[in-house]
Amino acid sequence: PVQFYIGRRFYRTAWKTLKAGNPGMDVLVALGTS
């Protein structure tokens, strides 16, 4: 639940910024924790 419920915000923002070609901190958090 920490990874996918509480941490869902990181996946959402990471996906949006990756689609826009502007990866930020949330991409690193999502990749590292995953």
Full PDB file with SEQRES, HELIX, SHEET, SSBOND, CRYST1, ORIGX, SCALE, CONECT and MASTER records, all heavy atoms in Angstrom:
SEQRES   1 A   34  PRO VAL GLN PHE TYR ILE GLY ARG ARG PHE TYR ARG THR          
SEQRES   2 A   34  ALA TRP LYS THR LEU LYS ALA GLY ASN PRO GLY MET ASP          
SEQRES   3 A   34  VAL LEU VAL ALA LEU GLY THR SER                              
HELIX    1 AA1 VAL A    2  ILE A    6  3                                   5    
HELIX    2 AA2 ARG A    8  LYS A   19  1                                  12    
HELIX    3 AA3 MET A   25  THR A   33  1                                   9    
CRYST1    1.000    1.000    1.000  90.00  90.00  90.00 P 1           1          
ORIGX1      1.000000  0.000000  0.000000        0.00000                         
ORIGX2      0.000000  1.000000  0.000000        0.00000                         
ORIGX3      0.000000  0.000000  1.000000        0.00000                         
SCALE1      1.000000  0.000000  0.000000        0.00000                         
SCALE2      0.000000  1.000000  0.000000        0.00000                         
SCALE3      0.000000  0.000000  1.000000        0.00000                         
ATOM      1  N   PRO A   1       0.815  -1.233   0.000  1.00  0.00           N  
ATOM      2  CA  PRO A   1       0.000   0.000   0.000  1.00  0.00           C  
ATOM      3  C   PRO A   1       0.844   1.276   0.000  1.00  0.00           C  
ATOM      4  O   PRO A   1       0.420   2.293  -0.568  1.00  0.00           O  
ATOM      5  CB  PRO A   1      -0.827  -0.113   1.289  1.00  0.00           C  
ATOM      6  CG  PRO A   1      -0.161  -1.152   2.109  1.00  0.00           C  
ATOM      7  CD  PRO A   1       0.516  -2.073   1.174  1.00  0.00           C  
ATOM      8  N   VAL A   2       2.024   1.234   0.611  1.00  0.00           N  
ATOM      9  CA  VAL A   2       2.900   2.406   0.580  1.00  0.00           C  
ATOM     10  C   VAL A   2       3.367   2.671  -0.847  1.00  0.00           C  
ATOM     11  O   VAL A   2       3.368   3.806  -1.323  1.00  0.00           O  
ATOM     12  CB  VAL A   2       4.125   2.203   1.502  1.00  0.00           C  
ATOM     13  CG1 VAL A   2       5.082   3.388   1.379  1.00  0.00           C  
ATOM     14  CG2 VAL A   2       3.690   2.041   2.950  1.00  0.00           C  
ATOM     15  N   GLN A   3       3.723   1.593  -1.545  1.00  0.00           N  
ATOM     16  CA  GLN A   3       4.268   1.735  -2.898  1.00  0.00           C  
ATOM     17  C   GLN A   3       3.221   2.193  -3.912  1.00  0.00           C  
ATOM     18  O   GLN A   3       3.479   3.103  -4.711  1.00  0.00           O  
ATOM     19  CB  GLN A   3       4.857   0.393  -3.347  1.00  0.00           C  
ATOM     20  CG  GLN A   3       5.582   0.429  -4.683  1.00  0.00           C  
ATOM     21  CD  GLN A   3       6.850   1.243  -4.616  1.00  0.00           C  
ATOM     22  OE1 GLN A   3       7.555   1.217  -3.631  1.00  0.00           O  
ATOM     23  NE2 GLN A   3       7.131   1.987  -5.673  1.00  0.00           N  
ATOM     24  N   PHE A   4       2.041   1.579  -3.879  1.00  0.00           N  
ATOM     25  CA  PHE A   4       1.090   1.811  -4.966  1.00  0.00           C  
ATOM     26  C   PHE A   4      -0.139   2.645  -4.594  1.00  0.00           C  
ATOM     27  O   PHE A   4      -0.803   3.169  -5.487  1.00  0.00           O  
ATOM     28  CB  PHE A   4       0.629   0.467  -5.541  1.00  0.00           C  
ATOM     29  CG  PHE A   4       1.752  -0.316  -6.155  1.00  0.00           C  
ATOM     30  CD1 PHE A   4       2.200  -1.482  -5.568  1.00  0.00           C  
ATOM     31  CD2 PHE A   4       2.378   0.137  -7.308  1.00  0.00           C  
ATOM     32  CE1 PHE A   4       3.248  -2.199  -6.129  1.00  0.00           C  
ATOM     33  CE2 PHE A   4       3.425  -0.568  -7.868  1.00  0.00           C  
ATOM     34  CZ  PHE A   4       3.862  -1.744  -7.282  1.00  0.00           C  
ATOM     35  N   TYR A   5      -0.455   2.770  -3.313  1.00  0.00           N  
ATOM     36  CA  TYR A   5      -1.574   3.622  -2.923  1.00  0.00           C  
ATOM     37  C   TYR A   5      -1.065   4.991  -2.483  1.00  0.00           C  
ATOM     38  O   TYR A   5      -1.405   6.025  -3.077  1.00  0.00           O  
ATOM     39  CB  TYR A   5      -2.388   2.978  -1.809  1.00  0.00           C  
ATOM     40  CG  TYR A   5      -3.453   3.905  -1.245  1.00  0.00           C  
ATOM     41  CD1 TYR A   5      -4.542   4.291  -2.030  1.00  0.00           C  
ATOM     42  CD2 TYR A   5      -3.355   4.421   0.045  1.00  0.00           C  
ATOM     43  CE1 TYR A   5      -5.508   5.159  -1.536  1.00  0.00           C  
ATOM     44  CE2 TYR A   5      -4.309   5.280   0.547  1.00  0.00           C  
ATOM     45  CZ  TYR A   5      -5.395   5.645  -0.244  1.00  0.00           C  
ATOM     46  OH  TYR A   5      -6.334   6.516   0.255  1.00  0.00           O  
ATOM     47  N   ILE A   6      -0.202   4.988  -1.469  1.00  0.00           N  
ATOM     48  CA  ILE A   6       0.335   6.257  -0.991  1.00  0.00           C  
ATOM     49  C   ILE A   6       1.299   6.862  -2.015  1.00  0.00           C  
ATOM     50  O   ILE A   6       1.351   8.067  -2.199  1.00  0.00           O  
ATOM     51  CB  ILE A   6       1.032   6.057   0.374  1.00  0.00           C  
ATOM     52  CG1 ILE A   6       0.005   5.572   1.405  1.00  0.00           C  
ATOM     53  CG2 ILE A   6       1.693   7.351   0.840  1.00  0.00           C  
ATOM     54  CD1 ILE A   6       0.588   5.176   2.732  1.00  0.00           C  
ATOM     55  N   GLY A   7       2.046   6.012  -2.702  1.00  0.00           N  
ATOM     56  CA  GLY A   7       3.032   6.496  -3.664  1.00  0.00           C  
ATOM     57  C   GLY A   7       2.501   6.702  -5.066  1.00  0.00           C  
ATOM     58  O   GLY A   7       3.271   6.986  -5.992  1.00  0.00           O  
ATOM     59  N   ARG A   8       1.173   6.597  -5.240  1.00  0.00           N  
ATOM     60  CA  ARG A   8       0.599   6.723  -6.591  1.00  0.00           C  
ATOM     61  C   ARG A   8       0.860   8.091  -7.206  1.00  0.00           C  
ATOM     62  O   ARG A   8       0.954   8.218  -8.430  1.00  0.00           O  
ATOM     63  CB  ARG A   8      -0.903   6.454  -6.556  1.00  0.00           C  
ATOM     64  CG  ARG A   8      -1.721   7.484  -5.785  1.00  0.00           C  
ATOM     65  CD  ARG A   8      -3.120   7.009  -5.491  1.00  0.00           C  
ATOM     66  NE  ARG A   8      -3.931   8.022  -4.815  1.00  0.00           N  
ATOM     67  CZ  ARG A   8      -3.853   8.302  -3.521  1.00  0.00           C  
ATOM     68  NH1 ARG A   8      -2.978   7.656  -2.755  1.00  0.00           N  
ATOM     69  NH2 ARG A   8      -4.642   9.215  -2.980  1.00  0.00           N  
ATOM     70  N   ARG A   9       0.978   9.119  -6.365  1.00  0.00           N  
ATOM     71  CA  ARG A   9       1.209  10.477  -6.867  1.00  0.00           C  
ATOM     72  C   ARG A   9       2.506  10.555  -7.674  1.00  0.00           C  
ATOM     73  O   ARG A   9       2.591  11.304  -8.649  1.00  0.00           O  
ATOM     74  CB  ARG A   9       1.250  11.466  -5.711  1.00  0.00           C  
ATOM     75  CG  ARG A   9       2.419  11.259  -4.761  1.00  0.00           C  
ATOM     76  CD  ARG A   9       2.492  12.343  -3.687  1.00  0.00           C  
ATOM     77  NE  ARG A   9       1.329  12.302  -2.821  1.00  0.00           N  
ATOM     78  CZ  ARG A   9       0.650  13.385  -2.515  1.00  0.00           C  
ATOM     79  NH1 ARG A   9       1.001  14.554  -3.013  1.00  0.00           N  
ATOM     80  NH2 ARG A   9      -0.386  13.301  -1.701  1.00  0.00           N  
ATOM     81  N   PHE A  10       3.517   9.799  -7.263  1.00  0.00           N  
ATOM     82  CA  PHE A  10       4.792   9.839  -7.967  1.00  0.00           C  
ATOM     83  C   PHE A  10       4.670   9.208  -9.353  1.00  0.00           C  
ATOM     84  O   PHE A  10       5.251   9.707 -10.316  1.00  0.00           O  
ATOM     85  CB  PHE A  10       5.865   9.115  -7.150  1.00  0.00           C  
ATOM     86  CG  PHE A  10       6.076   9.711  -5.785  1.00  0.00           C  
ATOM     87  CD1 PHE A  10       5.700   9.017  -4.643  1.00  0.00           C  
ATOM     88  CD2 PHE A  10       6.630  10.973  -5.638  1.00  0.00           C  
ATOM     89  CE1 PHE A  10       5.888   9.564  -3.390  1.00  0.00           C  
ATOM     90  CE2 PHE A  10       6.826  11.535  -4.387  1.00  0.00           C  
ATOM     91  CZ  PHE A  10       6.449  10.825  -3.258  1.00  0.00           C  
ATOM     92  N   TYR A  11       3.906   8.118  -9.448  1.00  0.00           N  
ATOM     93  CA  TYR A  11       3.712   7.466 -10.750  1.00  0.00           C  
ATOM     94  C   TYR A  11       2.933   8.367 -11.697  1.00  0.00           C  
ATOM     95  O   TYR A  11       3.256   8.460 -12.888  1.00  0.00           O  
ATOM     96  CB  TYR A  11       2.977   6.134 -10.565  1.00  0.00           C  
ATOM     97  CG  TYR A  11       3.814   5.056  -9.930  1.00  0.00           C  
ATOM     98  CD1 TYR A  11       3.663   4.728  -8.584  1.00  0.00           C  
ATOM     99  CD2 TYR A  11       4.770   4.359 -10.667  1.00  0.00           C  
ATOM    100  CE1 TYR A  11       4.434   3.740  -7.987  1.00  0.00           C  
ATOM    101  CE2 TYR A  11       5.545   3.366 -10.078  1.00  0.00           C  
ATOM    102  CZ  TYR A  11       5.372   3.056  -8.744  1.00  0.00           C  
ATOM    103  OH  TYR A  11       6.134   2.083  -8.159  1.00  0.00           O  
ATOM    104  N   ARG A  12       1.890   9.014 -11.185  1.00  0.00           N  
ATOM    105  CA  ARG A  12       1.069   9.894 -12.030  1.00  0.00           C  
ATOM    106  C   ARG A  12       1.889  11.048 -12.602  1.00  0.00           C  
ATOM    107  O   ARG A  12       1.876  11.307 -13.807  1.00  0.00           O  
ATOM    108  CB  ARG A  12      -0.117  10.442 -11.230  1.00  0.00           C  
ATOM    109  CG  ARG A  12      -1.265   9.463 -11.037  1.00  0.00           C  
ATOM    110  CD  ARG A  12      -2.560  10.216 -10.724  1.00  0.00           C  
ATOM    111  NE  ARG A  12      -2.417  11.046  -9.542  1.00  0.00           N  
ATOM    112  CZ  ARG A  12      -2.893  10.739  -8.337  1.00  0.00           C  
ATOM    113  NH1 ARG A  12      -3.544   9.596  -8.174  1.00  0.00           N  
ATOM    114  NH2 ARG A  12      -2.735  11.539  -7.316  1.00  0.00           N  
ATOM    115  N   THR A  13       2.606  11.749 -11.710  1.00  0.00           N  
ATOM    116  CA  THR A  13       3.394  12.894 -12.160  1.00  0.00           C  
ATOM    117  C   THR A  13       4.544  12.455 -13.053  1.00  0.00           C  
ATOM    118  O   THR A  13       4.867  13.135 -14.036  1.00  0.00           O  
ATOM    119  CB  THR A  13       3.936  13.679 -10.955  1.00  0.00           C  
ATOM    120  OG1 THR A  13       2.853  14.003 -10.081  1.00  0.00           O  
ATOM    121  CG2 THR A  13       4.620  14.957 -11.396  1.00  0.00           C  
ATOM    122  N   ALA A  14       5.160  11.313 -12.718  1.00  0.00           N  
ATOM    123  CA  ALA A  14       6.266  10.813 -13.535  1.00  0.00           C  
ATOM    124  C   ALA A  14       5.791  10.520 -14.957  1.00  0.00           C  
ATOM    125  O   ALA A  14       6.473  10.852 -15.935  1.00  0.00           O  
ATOM    126  CB  ALA A  14       6.861   9.556 -12.903  1.00  0.00           C  
ATOM    127  N   TRP A  15       4.610   9.908 -15.086  1.00  0.00           N  
ATOM    128  CA  TRP A  15       4.070   9.591 -16.407  1.00  0.00           C  
ATOM    129  C   TRP A  15       3.784  10.862 -17.208  1.00  0.00           C  
ATOM    130  O   TRP A  15       4.116  10.949 -18.398  1.00  0.00           O  
ATOM    131  CB  TRP A  15       2.814   8.741 -16.256  1.00  0.00           C  
ATOM    132  CG  TRP A  15       2.093   8.463 -17.542  1.00  0.00           C  
ATOM    133  CD1 TRP A  15       0.836   8.861 -17.888  1.00  0.00           C  
ATOM    134  CD2 TRP A  15       2.589   7.723 -18.664  1.00  0.00           C  
ATOM    135  NE1 TRP A  15       0.531   8.427 -19.141  1.00  0.00           N  
ATOM    136  CE2 TRP A  15       1.575   7.719 -19.656  1.00  0.00           C  
ATOM    137  CE3 TRP A  15       3.790   7.060 -18.928  1.00  0.00           C  
ATOM    138  CZ2 TRP A  15       1.733   7.093 -20.880  1.00  0.00           C  
ATOM    139  CZ3 TRP A  15       3.951   6.430 -20.149  1.00  0.00           C  
ATOM    140  CH2 TRP A  15       2.929   6.443 -21.122  1.00  0.00           C  
ATOM    141  N   LYS A  16       3.183  11.843 -16.567  1.00  0.00           N  
ATOM    142  CA  LYS A  16       2.861  13.093 -17.260  1.00  0.00           C  
ATOM    143  C   LYS A  16       4.120  13.808 -17.750  1.00  0.00           C  
ATOM    144  O   LYS A  16       4.180  14.278 -18.887  1.00  0.00           O  
ATOM    145  CB  LYS A  16       2.078  14.026 -16.330  1.00  0.00           C  
ATOM    146  CG  LYS A  16       0.653  13.583 -16.046  1.00  0.00           C  
ATOM    147  CD  LYS A  16      -0.028  14.566 -15.106  1.00  0.00           C  
ATOM    148  CE  LYS A  16      -1.447  14.117 -14.771  1.00  0.00           C  
ATOM    149  NZ  LYS A  16      -2.097  15.055 -13.804  1.00  0.00           N  
ATOM    150  N   THR A  17       5.128  13.897 -16.876  1.00  0.00           N  
ATOM    151  CA  THR A  17       6.348  14.613 -17.261  1.00  0.00           C  
ATOM    152  C   THR A  17       7.161  13.832 -18.294  1.00  0.00           C  
ATOM    153  O   THR A  17       7.813  14.436 -19.149  1.00  0.00           O  
ATOM    154  CB  THR A  17       7.220  14.905 -16.028  1.00  0.00           C  
ATOM    155  OG1 THR A  17       7.477  13.688 -15.309  1.00  0.00           O  
ATOM    156  CG2 THR A  17       6.515  15.887 -15.097  1.00  0.00           C  
ATOM    157  N   LEU A  18       7.113  12.516 -18.236  1.00  0.00           N  
ATOM    158  CA  LEU A  18       7.812  11.711 -19.250  1.00  0.00           C  
ATOM    159  C   LEU A  18       7.156  11.892 -20.612  1.00  0.00           C  
ATOM    160  O   LEU A  18       7.833  12.011 -21.635  1.00  0.00           O  
ATOM    161  CB  LEU A  18       7.819  10.236 -18.853  1.00  0.00           C  
ATOM    162  CG  LEU A  18       8.869   9.812 -17.821  1.00  0.00           C  
ATOM    163  CD1 LEU A  18       8.645   8.357 -17.411  1.00  0.00           C  
ATOM    164  CD2 LEU A  18      10.275   9.998 -18.376  1.00  0.00           C  
ATOM    165  N   LYS A  19       5.814  11.903 -20.623  1.00  0.00           N  
ATOM    166  CA  LYS A  19       5.104  12.114 -21.897  1.00  0.00           C  
ATOM    167  C   LYS A  19       5.445  13.475 -22.487  1.00  0.00           C  
ATOM    168  O   LYS A  19       5.524  13.633 -23.709  1.00  0.00           O  
ATOM    169  CB  LYS A  19       3.583  12.017 -21.688  1.00  0.00           C  
ATOM    170  CG  LYS A  19       3.062  10.602 -21.599  1.00  0.00           C  
ATOM    171  CD  LYS A  19       1.567  10.557 -21.875  1.00  0.00           C  
ATOM    172  CE  LYS A  19       0.771  11.455 -20.976  1.00  0.00           C  
ATOM    173  NZ  LYS A  19      -0.692  11.378 -21.249  1.00  0.00           N  
ATOM    174  N   ALA A  20       5.633  14.461 -21.607  1.00  0.00           N  
ATOM    175  CA  ALA A  20       5.946  15.808 -22.076  1.00  0.00           C  
ATOM    176  C   ALA A  20       7.427  15.990 -22.386  1.00  0.00           C  
ATOM    177  O   ALA A  20       7.832  17.031 -22.886  1.00  0.00           O  
ATOM    178  CB  ALA A  20       5.515  16.829 -21.030  1.00  0.00           C  
ATOM    179  N   GLY A  21       8.230  14.968 -22.077  1.00  0.00           N  
ATOM    180  CA  GLY A  21       9.666  15.062 -22.321  1.00  0.00           C  
ATOM    181  C   GLY A  21      10.391  15.908 -21.307  1.00  0.00           C  
ATOM    182  O   GLY A  21      11.498  16.395 -21.577  1.00  0.00           O  
ATOM    183  N   ASN A  22       9.776  16.088 -20.110  1.00  0.00           N  
ATOM    184  CA  ASN A  22      10.386  16.907 -19.056  1.00  0.00           C  
ATOM    185  C   ASN A  22      10.480  16.113 -17.749  1.00  0.00           C  
ATOM    186  O   ASN A  22       9.842  16.474 -16.760  1.00  0.00           O  
ATOM    187  CB  ASN A  22       9.566  18.178 -18.814  1.00  0.00           C  
ATOM    188  CG  ASN A  22       9.484  19.061 -20.024  1.00  0.00           C  
ATOM    189  OD1 ASN A  22      10.469  19.248 -20.729  1.00  0.00           O  
ATOM    190  ND2 ASN A  22       8.309  19.619 -20.284  1.00  0.00           N  
ATOM    191  N   PRO A  23      11.250  15.023 -17.715  1.00  0.00           N  
ATOM    192  CA  PRO A  23      11.313  14.208 -16.488  1.00  0.00           C  
ATOM    193  C   PRO A  23      11.873  15.007 -15.317  1.00  0.00           C  
ATOM    194  O   PRO A  23      12.825  15.774 -15.482  1.00  0.00           O  
ATOM    195  CB  PRO A  23      12.246  13.055 -16.874  1.00  0.00           C  
ATOM    196  CG  PRO A  23      13.058  13.583 -18.006  1.00  0.00           C  
ATOM    197  CD  PRO A  23      12.154  14.511 -18.756  1.00  0.00           C  
ATOM    198  N   GLY A  24      11.249  14.813 -14.145  1.00  0.00           N  
ATOM    199  CA  GLY A  24      11.677  15.532 -12.947  1.00  0.00           C  
ATOM    200  C   GLY A  24      11.954  14.577 -11.798  1.00  0.00           C  
ATOM    201  O   GLY A  24      12.207  13.386 -11.995  1.00  0.00           O  
ATOM    202  N   MET A  25      11.865  15.103 -10.585  1.00  0.00           N  
ATOM    203  CA  MET A  25      12.196  14.339  -9.390  1.00  0.00           C  
ATOM    204  C   MET A  25      11.295  13.122  -9.213  1.00  0.00           C  
ATOM    205  O   MET A  25      11.739  12.063  -8.749  1.00  0.00           O  
ATOM    206  CB  MET A  25      12.090  15.245  -8.162  1.00  0.00           C  
ATOM    207  CG  MET A  25      12.464  14.581  -6.845  1.00  0.00           C  
ATOM    208  SD  MET A  25      12.027  15.566  -5.417  1.00  0.00           S  
ATOM    209  CE  MET A  25      10.250  15.321  -5.363  1.00  0.00           C  
ATOM    210  N   ASP A  26      10.017  13.255  -9.579  1.00  0.00           N  
ATOM    211  CA  ASP A  26       9.077  12.152  -9.371  1.00  0.00           C  
ATOM    212  C   ASP A  26       9.459  10.917 -10.185  1.00  0.00           C  
ATOM    213  O   ASP A  26       9.167   9.794  -9.775  1.00  0.00           O  
ATOM    214  CB  ASP A  26       7.661  12.602  -9.732  1.00  0.00           C  
ATOM    215  CG  ASP A  26       7.138  13.642  -8.768  1.00  0.00           C  
ATOM    216  OD1 ASP A  26       6.700  13.251  -7.676  1.00  0.00           O  
ATOM    217  OD2 ASP A  26       7.191  14.835  -9.090  1.00  0.00           O  
ATOM    218  N   VAL A  27      10.084  11.115 -11.328  1.00  0.00           N  
ATOM    219  CA  VAL A  27      10.543   9.978 -12.140  1.00  0.00           C  
ATOM    220  C   VAL A  27      11.602   9.189 -11.372  1.00  0.00           C  
ATOM    221  O   VAL A  27      11.580   7.958 -11.343  1.00  0.00           O  
ATOM    222  CB  VAL A  27      11.110  10.466 -13.494  1.00  0.00           C  
ATOM    223  CG1 VAL A  27      11.708   9.302 -14.272  1.00  0.00           C  
ATOM    224  CG2 VAL A  27      10.021  11.141 -14.313  1.00  0.00           C  
ATOM    225  N   LEU A  28      12.534   9.905 -10.737  1.00  0.00           N  
ATOM    226  CA  LEU A  28      13.580   9.242  -9.963  1.00  0.00           C  
ATOM    227  C   LEU A  28      13.003   8.484  -8.771  1.00  0.00           C  
ATOM    228  O   LEU A  28      13.411   7.357  -8.480  1.00  0.00           O  
ATOM    229  CB  LEU A  28      14.600  10.280  -9.471  1.00  0.00           C  
ATOM    230  CG  LEU A  28      15.384  11.033 -10.549  1.00  0.00           C  
ATOM    231  CD1 LEU A  28      16.296  12.073  -9.914  1.00  0.00           C  
ATOM    232  CD2 LEU A  28      16.201  10.061 -11.386  1.00  0.00           C  
ATOM    233  N   VAL A  29      12.043   9.098  -8.078  1.00  0.00           N  
ATOM    234  CA  VAL A  29      11.419   8.436  -6.924  1.00  0.00           C  
ATOM    235  C   VAL A  29      10.683   7.175  -7.379  1.00  0.00           C  
ATOM    236  O   VAL A  29      10.813   6.104  -6.765  1.00  0.00           O  
ATOM    237  CB  VAL A  29      10.448   9.390  -6.206  1.00  0.00           C  
ATOM    238  CG1 VAL A  29       9.699   8.658  -5.093  1.00  0.00           C  
ATOM    239  CG2 VAL A  29      11.196  10.578  -5.628  1.00  0.00           C  
ATOM    240  N   ALA A  30       9.914   7.286  -8.465  1.00  0.00           N  
ATOM    241  CA  ALA A  30       9.162   6.135  -8.974  1.00  0.00           C  
ATOM    242  C   ALA A  30      10.096   5.011  -9.414  1.00  0.00           C  
ATOM    243  O   ALA A  30       9.860   3.828  -9.091  1.00  0.00           O  
ATOM    244  CB  ALA A  30       8.264   6.568 -10.135  1.00  0.00           C  
ATOM    245  N   LEU A  31      11.160   5.351 -10.130  1.00  0.00           N  
ATOM    246  CA  LEU A  31      12.098   4.329 -10.602  1.00  0.00           C  
ATOM    247  C   LEU A  31      12.840   3.670  -9.441  1.00  0.00           C  
ATOM    248  O   LEU A  31      12.958   2.437  -9.384  1.00  0.00           O  
ATOM    249  CB  LEU A  31      13.101   4.950 -11.576  1.00  0.00           C  
ATOM    250  CG  LEU A  31      12.610   5.258 -12.987  1.00  0.00           C  
ATOM    251  CD1 LEU A  31      13.690   5.980 -13.774  1.00  0.00           C  
ATOM    252  CD2 LEU A  31      12.218   3.967 -13.702  1.00  0.00           C  
ATOM    253  N   GLY A  32      13.347   4.482  -8.525  1.00  0.00           N  
ATOM    254  CA  GLY A  32      14.133   3.944  -7.414  1.00  0.00           C  
ATOM    255  C   GLY A  32      13.330   3.051  -6.498  1.00  0.00           C  
ATOM    256  O   GLY A  32      13.761   1.938  -6.151  1.00  0.00           O  
ATOM    257  N   THR A  33      12.142   3.511  -6.097  1.00  0.00           N  
ATOM    258  CA  THR A  33      11.326   2.711  -5.181  1.00  0.00           C  
ATOM    259  C   THR A  33      10.770   1.467  -5.869  1.00  0.00           C  
ATOM    260  O   THR A  33      10.668   0.402  -5.256  1.00  0.00           O  
ATOM    261  CB  THR A  33      10.169   3.550  -4.610  1.00  0.00           C  
ATOM    262  OG1 THR A  33       9.370   4.066  -5.687  1.00  0.00           O  
ATOM    263  CG2 THR A  33      10.693   4.702  -3.786  1.00  0.00           C  
ATOM    264  N   SER A  34      10.416   1.600  -7.147  1.00  0.00           N  
ATOM    265  CA  SER A  34       9.895   0.434  -7.887  1.00  0.00           C  
ATOM    266  C   SER A  34      10.969  -0.644  -8.014  1.00  0.00           C  
ATOM    267  O   SER A  34      10.680  -1.848  -7.898  1.00  0.00           O  
ATOM    268  CB  SER A  34       9.417   0.849  -9.281  1.00  0.00           C  
ATOM    269  OG  SER A  34       8.318   1.725  -9.188  1.00  0.00           O  
TER     270      SER A  34                                                      
MASTER        0    0    0    3    0    0    0    6  269    1    0    3          
END                                                                             
